[in-house]
Amino acid sequence: MAKKKQKLMIWKIIKASSFFPLYCPNIKDWKKKMTGKNGRGNPVEFSAAEKKQIKVALSKLFKDLGCSIK
């Protein structure tokens, strides 16, 4: 359970509504996937490929932030 909290903690620091359109524009319904439920209340989650894409995008974001701080 602690692992799940660590995954969600990043979205307390980074605004998801800014991150997803800029770094992961092809991930659709990310808001619903973050809450875990679709409009009908059925469970929905990020696919393995989307999770991998998010990790790569976060690395790119951190690299971009590092380059801008000098």
PDB file of N, CA and C in Angstrom:
ATOM      1  N   MET A   1       0.818  -1.193   0.000  1.00  0.00           N
ATOM      2  CA  MET A   1       0.000   0.000   0.000  1.00  0.00           C
ATOM      3  C   MET A   1       0.864   1.259   0.000  1.00  0.00           C
ATOM      4  N   ALA A   2       1.979   1.234   0.681  1.00  0.00           N
ATOM      5  CA  ALA A   2       2.870   2.391   0.695  1.00  0.00           C
ATOM      6  C   ALA A   2       3.349   2.718  -0.715  1.00  0.00           C
ATOM      7  N   LYS A   3       3.541   1.691  -1.529  1.00  0.00           N
ATOM      8  CA  LYS A   3       3.991   1.906  -2.900  1.00  0.00           C
ATOM      9  C   LYS A   3       2.957   2.717  -3.682  1.00  0.00           C
ATOM     10  N   LYS A   4       1.681   2.440  -3.478  1.00  0.00           N
ATOM     11  CA  LYS A   4       0.631   3.172  -4.182  1.00  0.00           C
ATOM     12  C   LYS A   4       0.647   4.646  -3.777  1.00  0.00           C
ATOM     13  N   LYS A   5       0.859   4.939  -2.503  1.00  0.00           N
ATOM     14  CA  LYS A   5       0.913   6.322  -2.052  1.00  0.00           C
ATOM     15  C   LYS A   5       2.072   7.052  -2.706  1.00  0.00           C
ATOM     16  N   GLN A   6       3.204   6.388  -2.879  1.00  0.00           N
ATOM     17  CA  GLN A   6       4.346   7.010  -3.521  1.00  0.00           C
ATOM     18  C   GLN A   6       4.014   7.366  -4.968  1.00  0.00           C
ATOM     19  N   LYS A   7       3.313   6.501  -5.645  1.00  0.00           N
ATOM     20  CA  LYS A   7       2.955   6.771  -7.033  1.00  0.00           C
ATOM     21  C   LYS A   7       2.039   7.980  -7.126  1.00  0.00           C
ATOM     22  N   LEU A   8       1.084   8.094  -6.211  1.00  0.00           N
ATOM     23  CA  LEU A   8       0.132   9.188  -6.275  1.00  0.00           C
ATOM     24  C   LEU A   8       0.713  10.493  -5.748  1.00  0.00           C
ATOM     25  N   MET A   9       1.745  10.423  -4.933  1.00  0.00           N
ATOM     26  CA  MET A   9       2.319  11.616  -4.331  1.00  0.00           C
ATOM     27  C   MET A   9       2.848  12.595  -5.379  1.00  0.00           C
ATOM     28  N   ILE A  10       3.352  12.116  -6.481  1.00  0.00           N
ATOM     29  CA  ILE A  10       3.904  12.990  -7.509  1.00  0.00           C
ATOM     30  C   ILE A  10       2.852  13.977  -8.018  1.00  0.00           C
ATOM     31  N   TRP A  11       1.597  13.581  -8.026  1.00  0.00           N
ATOM     32  CA  TRP A  11       0.538  14.458  -8.539  1.00  0.00           C
ATOM     33  C   TRP A  11       0.131  15.512  -7.521  1.00  0.00           C
ATOM     34  N   LYS A  12       0.637  15.410  -6.290  1.00  0.00           N
ATOM     35  CA  LYS A  12       0.449  16.484  -5.314  1.00  0.00           C
ATOM     36  C   LYS A  12       1.453  17.599  -5.565  1.00  0.00           C
ATOM     37  N   ILE A  13       2.553  17.260  -6.248  1.00  0.00           N
ATOM     38  CA  ILE A  13       3.610  18.227  -6.528  1.00  0.00           C
ATOM     39  C   ILE A  13       3.469  18.788  -7.942  1.00  0.00           C
ATOM     40  N   ILE A  14       3.204  17.900  -8.890  1.00  0.00           N
ATOM     41  CA  ILE A  14       3.075  18.289 -10.296  1.00  0.00           C
ATOM     42  C   ILE A  14       1.596  18.326 -10.654  1.00  0.00           C
ATOM     43  N   LYS A  15       1.163  19.400 -11.260  1.00  0.00           N
ATOM     44  CA  LYS A  15      -0.236  19.526 -11.659  1.00  0.00           C
ATOM     45  C   LYS A  15      -0.493  18.649 -12.885  1.00  0.00           C
ATOM     46  N   ALA A  16      -1.317  17.629 -12.712  1.00  0.00           N
ATOM     47  CA  ALA A  16      -1.578  16.667 -13.784  1.00  0.00           C
ATOM     48  C   ALA A  16      -2.200  17.332 -15.011  1.00  0.00           C
ATOM     49  N   SER A  17      -3.015  18.338 -14.797  1.00  0.00           N
ATOM     50  CA  SER A  17      -3.665  19.007 -15.933  1.00  0.00           C
ATOM     51  C   SER A  17      -2.670  19.772 -16.796  1.00  0.00           C
ATOM     52  N   SER A  18      -1.503  20.066 -16.268  1.00  0.00           N
ATOM     53  CA  SER A  18      -0.441  20.676 -17.072  1.00  0.00           C
ATOM     54  C   SER A  18       0.487  19.617 -17.651  1.00  0.00           C
ATOM     55  N   PHE A  19       0.731  18.556 -16.886  1.00  0.00           N
ATOM     56  CA  PHE A  19       1.672  17.516 -17.293  1.00  0.00           C
ATOM     57  C   PHE A  19       1.170  16.690 -18.478  1.00  0.00           C
ATOM     58  N   PHE A  20      -0.035  16.140 -18.380  1.00  0.00           N
ATOM     59  CA  PHE A  20      -0.510  15.206 -19.397  1.00  0.00           C
ATOM     60  C   PHE A  20      -0.642  15.824 -20.794  1.00  0.00           C
ATOM     61  N   PRO A  21      -1.238  17.007 -20.953  1.00  0.00           N
ATOM     62  CA  PRO A  21      -1.321  17.564 -22.315  1.00  0.00           C
ATOM     63  C   PRO A  21       0.043  17.883 -22.926  1.00  0.00           C
ATOM     64  N   LEU A  22       1.010  18.235 -22.094  1.00  0.00           N
ATOM     65  CA  LEU A  22       2.316  18.618 -22.607  1.00  0.00           C
ATOM     66  C   LEU A  22       3.251  17.420 -22.810  1.00  0.00           C
ATOM     67  N   TYR A  23       3.282  16.504 -21.840  1.00  0.00           N
ATOM     68  CA  TYR A  23       4.247  15.404 -21.881  1.00  0.00           C
ATOM     69  C   TYR A  23       3.647  14.062 -22.325  1.00  0.00           C
ATOM     70  N   CYS A  24       2.360  13.884 -22.179  1.00  0.00           N
ATOM     71  CA  CYS A  24       1.696  12.633 -22.591  1.00  0.00           C
ATOM     72  C   CYS A  24       0.393  12.952 -23.329  1.00  0.00           C
ATOM     73  N   PRO A  25       0.466  13.672 -24.431  1.00  0.00           N
ATOM     74  CA  PRO A  25      -0.763  14.111 -25.099  1.00  0.00           C
ATOM     75  C   PRO A  25      -1.613  12.989 -25.692  1.00  0.00           C
ATOM     76  N   ASN A  26      -1.024  11.824 -25.922  1.00  0.00           N
ATOM     77  CA  ASN A  26      -1.812  10.742 -26.518  1.00  0.00           C
ATOM     78  C   ASN A  26      -2.454   9.813 -25.483  1.00  0.00           C
ATOM     79  N   ILE A  27      -2.285  10.097 -24.194  1.00  0.00           N
ATOM     80  CA  ILE A  27      -3.000   9.325 -23.172  1.00  0.00           C
ATOM     81  C   ILE A  27      -4.357   9.985 -22.975  1.00  0.00           C
ATOM     82  N   LYS A  28      -5.391   9.257 -23.334  1.00  0.00           N
ATOM     83  CA  LYS A  28      -6.751   9.781 -23.253  1.00  0.00           C
ATOM     84  C   LYS A  28      -7.392   9.395 -21.913  1.00  0.00           C
ATOM     85  N   ASP A  29      -8.336  10.188 -21.480  1.00  0.00           N
ATOM     86  CA  ASP A  29      -9.094   9.944 -20.247  1.00  0.00           C
ATOM     87  C   ASP A  29      -8.196   9.792 -19.024  1.00  0.00           C
ATOM     88  N   TRP A  30      -7.107  10.550 -18.972  1.00  0.00           N
ATOM     89  CA  TRP A  30      -6.182  10.427 -17.852  1.00  0.00           C
ATOM     90  C   TRP A  30      -6.834  10.830 -16.532  1.00  0.00           C
ATOM     91  N   LYS A  31      -7.779  11.767 -16.562  1.00  0.00           N
ATOM     92  CA  LYS A  31      -8.458  12.172 -15.322  1.00  0.00           C
ATOM     93  C   LYS A  31      -9.233  11.001 -14.729  1.00  0.00           C
ATOM     94  N   LYS A  32      -9.958  10.290 -15.583  1.00  0.00           N
ATOM     95  CA  LYS A  32     -10.741   9.146 -15.113  1.00  0.00           C
ATOM     96  C   LYS A  32      -9.827   8.015 -14.650  1.00  0.00           C
ATOM     97  N   LYS A  33      -8.729   7.830 -15.357  1.00  0.00           N
ATOM     98  CA  LYS A  33      -7.787   6.774 -14.986  1.00  0.00           C
ATOM     99  C   LYS A  33      -7.119   7.082 -13.651  1.00  0.00           C
ATOM    100  N   MET A  34      -6.911   8.358 -13.363  1.00  0.00           N
ATOM    101  CA  MET A  34      -6.316   8.733 -12.088  1.00  0.00           C
ATOM    102  C   MET A  34      -7.279   8.487 -10.933  1.00  0.00           C
ATOM    103  N   THR A  35      -8.568   8.698 -11.172  1.00  0.00           N
ATOM    104  CA  THR A  35      -9.543   8.443 -10.114  1.00  0.00           C
ATOM    105  C   THR A  35      -9.866   6.960 -10.007  1.00  0.00           C
ATOM    106  N   GLY A  36      -9.625   6.198 -11.083  1.00  0.00           N
ATOM    107  CA  GLY A  36      -9.852   4.759 -11.062  1.00  0.00           C
ATOM    108  C   GLY A  36     -11.240   4.338 -11.502  1.00  0.00           C
ATOM    109  N   LYS A  37     -12.061   5.313 -11.911  1.00  0.00           N
ATOM    110  CA  LYS A  37     -13.422   4.967 -12.341  1.00  0.00           C
ATOM    111  C   LYS A  37     -13.805   5.781 -13.561  1.00  0.00           C
ATOM    112  N   ASN A  38     -14.542   5.118 -14.473  1.00  0.00           N
ATOM    113  CA  ASN A  38     -15.033   5.843 -15.649  1.00  0.00           C
ATOM    114  C   ASN A  38     -16.358   6.512 -15.313  1.00  0.00           C
ATOM    115  N   GLY A  39     -17.014   7.095 -16.287  1.00  0.00           N
ATOM    116  CA  GLY A  39     -18.266   7.811 -16.071  1.00  0.00           C
ATOM    117  C   GLY A  39     -19.393   6.950 -15.534  1.00  0.00           C
ATOM    118  N   ARG A  40     -19.335   5.658 -15.780  1.00  0.00           N
ATOM    119  CA  ARG A  40     -20.365   4.735 -15.289  1.00  0.00           C
ATOM    120  C   ARG A  40     -20.007   4.118 -13.946  1.00  0.00           C
ATOM    121  N   GLY A  41     -18.843   4.478 -13.420  1.00  0.00           N
ATOM    122  CA  GLY A  41     -18.409   3.941 -12.136  1.00  0.00           C
ATOM    123  C   GLY A  41     -17.644   2.633 -12.240  1.00  0.00           C
ATOM    124  N   ASN A  42     -17.382   2.204 -13.470  1.00  0.00           N
ATOM    125  CA  ASN A  42     -16.609   0.977 -13.666  1.00  0.00           C
ATOM    126  C   ASN A  42     -15.119   1.271 -13.477  1.00  0.00           C
ATOM    127  N   PRO A  43     -14.377   0.294 -12.956  1.00  0.00           N
ATOM    128  CA  PRO A  43     -12.940   0.528 -12.756  1.00  0.00           C
ATOM    129  C   PRO A  43     -12.198   0.707 -14.079  1.00  0.00           C
ATOM    130  N   VAL A  44     -11.265   1.640 -14.078  1.00  0.00           N
ATOM    131  CA  VAL A  44     -10.431   1.909 -15.243  1.00  0.00           C
ATOM    132  C   VAL A  44      -9.051   2.301 -14.720  1.00  0.00           C
ATOM    133  N   GLU A  45      -8.013   1.873 -15.435  1.00  0.00           N
ATOM    134  CA  GLU A  45      -6.653   2.198 -15.002  1.00  0.00           C
ATOM    135  C   GLU A  45      -5.754   2.392 -16.213  1.00  0.00           C
ATOM    136  N   PHE A  46      -4.576   2.911 -15.956  1.00  0.00           N
ATOM    137  CA  PHE A  46      -3.598   3.087 -17.020  1.00  0.00           C
ATOM    138  C   PHE A  46      -3.097   1.721 -17.471  1.00  0.00           C
ATOM    139  N   SER A  47      -2.907   1.564 -18.767  1.00  0.00           N
ATOM    140  CA  SER A  47      -2.344   0.324 -19.291  1.00  0.00           C
ATOM    141  C   SER A  47      -0.849   0.290 -18.964  1.00  0.00           C
ATOM    142  N   ALA A  48      -0.245  -0.869 -19.126  1.00  0.00           N
ATOM    143  CA  ALA A  48       1.193  -1.006 -18.873  1.00  0.00           C
ATOM    144  C   ALA A  48       1.990  -0.082 -19.791  1.00  0.00           C
ATOM    145  N   ALA A  49       1.571   0.027 -21.044  1.00  0.00           N
ATOM    146  CA  ALA A  49       2.258   0.910 -21.994  1.00  0.00           C
ATOM    147  C   ALA A  49       2.122   2.375 -21.572  1.00  0.00           C
ATOM    148  N   GLU A  50       0.957   2.759 -21.071  1.00  0.00           N
ATOM    149  CA  GLU A  50       0.753   4.134 -20.617  1.00  0.00           C
ATOM    150  C   GLU A  50       1.595   4.430 -19.381  1.00  0.00           C
ATOM    151  N   LYS A  51       1.689   3.470 -18.474  1.00  0.00           N
ATOM    152  CA  LYS A  51       2.514   3.657 -17.275  1.00  0.00           C
ATOM    153  C   LYS A  51       3.969   3.857 -17.663  1.00  0.00           C
ATOM    154  N   LYS A  52       4.423   3.091 -18.628  1.00  0.00           N
ATOM    155  CA  LYS A  52       5.805   3.230 -19.103  1.00  0.00           C
ATOM    156  C   LYS A  52       5.997   4.610 -19.734  1.00  0.00           C
ATOM    157  N   GLN A  53       5.020   5.043 -20.514  1.00  0.00           N
ATOM    158  CA  GLN A  53       5.091   6.354 -21.158  1.00  0.00           C
ATOM    159  C   GLN A  53       5.129   7.471 -20.104  1.00  0.00           C
ATOM    160  N   ILE A  54       4.364   7.331 -19.035  1.00  0.00           N
ATOM    161  CA  ILE A  54       4.345   8.330 -17.967  1.00  0.00           C
ATOM    162  C   ILE A  54       5.719   8.398 -17.291  1.00  0.00           C
ATOM    163  N   LYS A  55       6.323   7.245 -17.035  1.00  0.00           N
ATOM    164  CA  LYS A  55       7.650   7.221 -16.408  1.00  0.00           C
ATOM    165  C   LYS A  55       8.683   7.920 -17.292  1.00  0.00           C
ATOM    166  N   VAL A  56       8.646   7.651 -18.578  1.00  0.00           N
ATOM    167  CA  VAL A  56       9.575   8.298 -19.517  1.00  0.00           C
ATOM    168  C   VAL A  56       9.311   9.813 -19.545  1.00  0.00           C
ATOM    169  N   ALA A  57       8.043  10.188 -19.553  1.00  0.00           N
ATOM    170  CA  ALA A  57       7.682  11.605 -19.592  1.00  0.00           C
ATOM    171  C   ALA A  57       8.107  12.320 -18.311  1.00  0.00           C
ATOM    172  N   LEU A  58       7.982  11.656 -17.168  1.00  0.00           N
ATOM    173  CA  LEU A  58       8.427  12.256 -15.907  1.00  0.00           C
ATOM    174  C   LEU A  58       9.940  12.466 -15.923  1.00  0.00           C
ATOM    175  N   SER A  59      10.664  11.498 -16.453  1.00  0.00           N
ATOM    176  CA  SER A  59      12.116  11.645 -16.573  1.00  0.00           C
ATOM    177  C   SER A  59      12.468  12.841 -17.455  1.00  0.00           C
ATOM    178  N   LYS A  60      11.720  13.004 -18.541  1.00  0.00           N
ATOM    179  CA  LYS A  60      11.952  14.140 -19.437  1.00  0.00           C
ATOM    180  C   LYS A  60      11.636  15.451 -18.721  1.00  0.00           C
ATOM    181  N   LEU A  61      10.563  15.472 -17.949  1.00  0.00           N
ATOM    182  CA  LEU A  61      10.201  16.668 -17.191  1.00  0.00           C
ATOM    183  C   LEU A  61      11.313  17.029 -16.209  1.00  0.00           C
ATOM    184  N   PHE A  62      11.818  16.034 -15.475  1.00  0.00           N
ATOM    185  CA  PHE A  62      12.876  16.293 -14.504  1.00  0.00           C
ATOM    186  C   PHE A  62      14.140  16.790 -15.198  1.00  0.00           C
ATOM    187  N   LYS A  63      14.425  16.235 -16.357  1.00  0.00           N
ATOM    188  CA  LYS A  63      15.584  16.686 -17.135  1.00  0.00           C
ATOM    189  C   LYS A  63      15.377  18.133 -17.585  1.00  0.00           C
ATOM    190  N   ASP A  64      14.172  18.439 -18.059  1.00  0.00           N
ATOM    191  CA  ASP A  64      13.853  19.803 -18.476  1.00  0.00           C
ATOM    192  C   ASP A  64      13.986  20.786 -17.314  1.00  0.00           C
ATOM    193  N   LEU A  65      13.537  20.377 -16.154  1.00  0.00           N
ATOM    194  CA  LEU A  65      13.633  21.240 -14.969  1.00  0.00           C
ATOM    195  C   LEU A  65      15.099  21.450 -14.586  1.00  0.00           C
ATOM    196  N   GLY A  66      15.886  20.395 -14.662  1.00  0.00           N
ATOM    197  CA  GLY A  66      17.300  20.488 -14.333  1.00  0.00           C
ATOM    198  C   GLY A  66      18.043  21.422 -15.266  1.00  0.00           C
ATOM    199  N   CYS A  67      17.673  21.385 -16.534  1.00  0.00           N
ATOM    200  CA  CYS A  67      18.336  22.252 -17.522  1.00  0.00           C
ATOM    201  C   CYS A  67      17.955  23.722 -17.321  1.00  0.00           C
ATOM    202  N   SER A  68      16.763  23.965 -16.801  1.00  0.00           N
ATOM    203  CA  SER A  68      16.308  25.353 -16.658  1.00  0.00           C
ATOM    204  C   SER A  68      16.827  26.003 -15.389  1.00  0.00           C
ATOM    205  N   ILE A  69      17.358  25.209 -14.461  1.00  0.00           N
ATOM    206  CA  ILE A  69      17.873  25.755 -13.203  1.00  0.00           C
ATOM    207  C   ILE A  69      19.385  25.859 -13.311  1.00  0.00           C
ATOM    208  N   LYS A  70      19.859  27.072 -13.464  1.00  0.00           N
ATOM    209  CA  LYS A  70      21.312  27.312 -13.561  1.00  0.00           C
ATOM    210  C   LYS A  70      21.658  28.626 -12.923  1.00  0.00           C
TER     211      LYS A  70
END
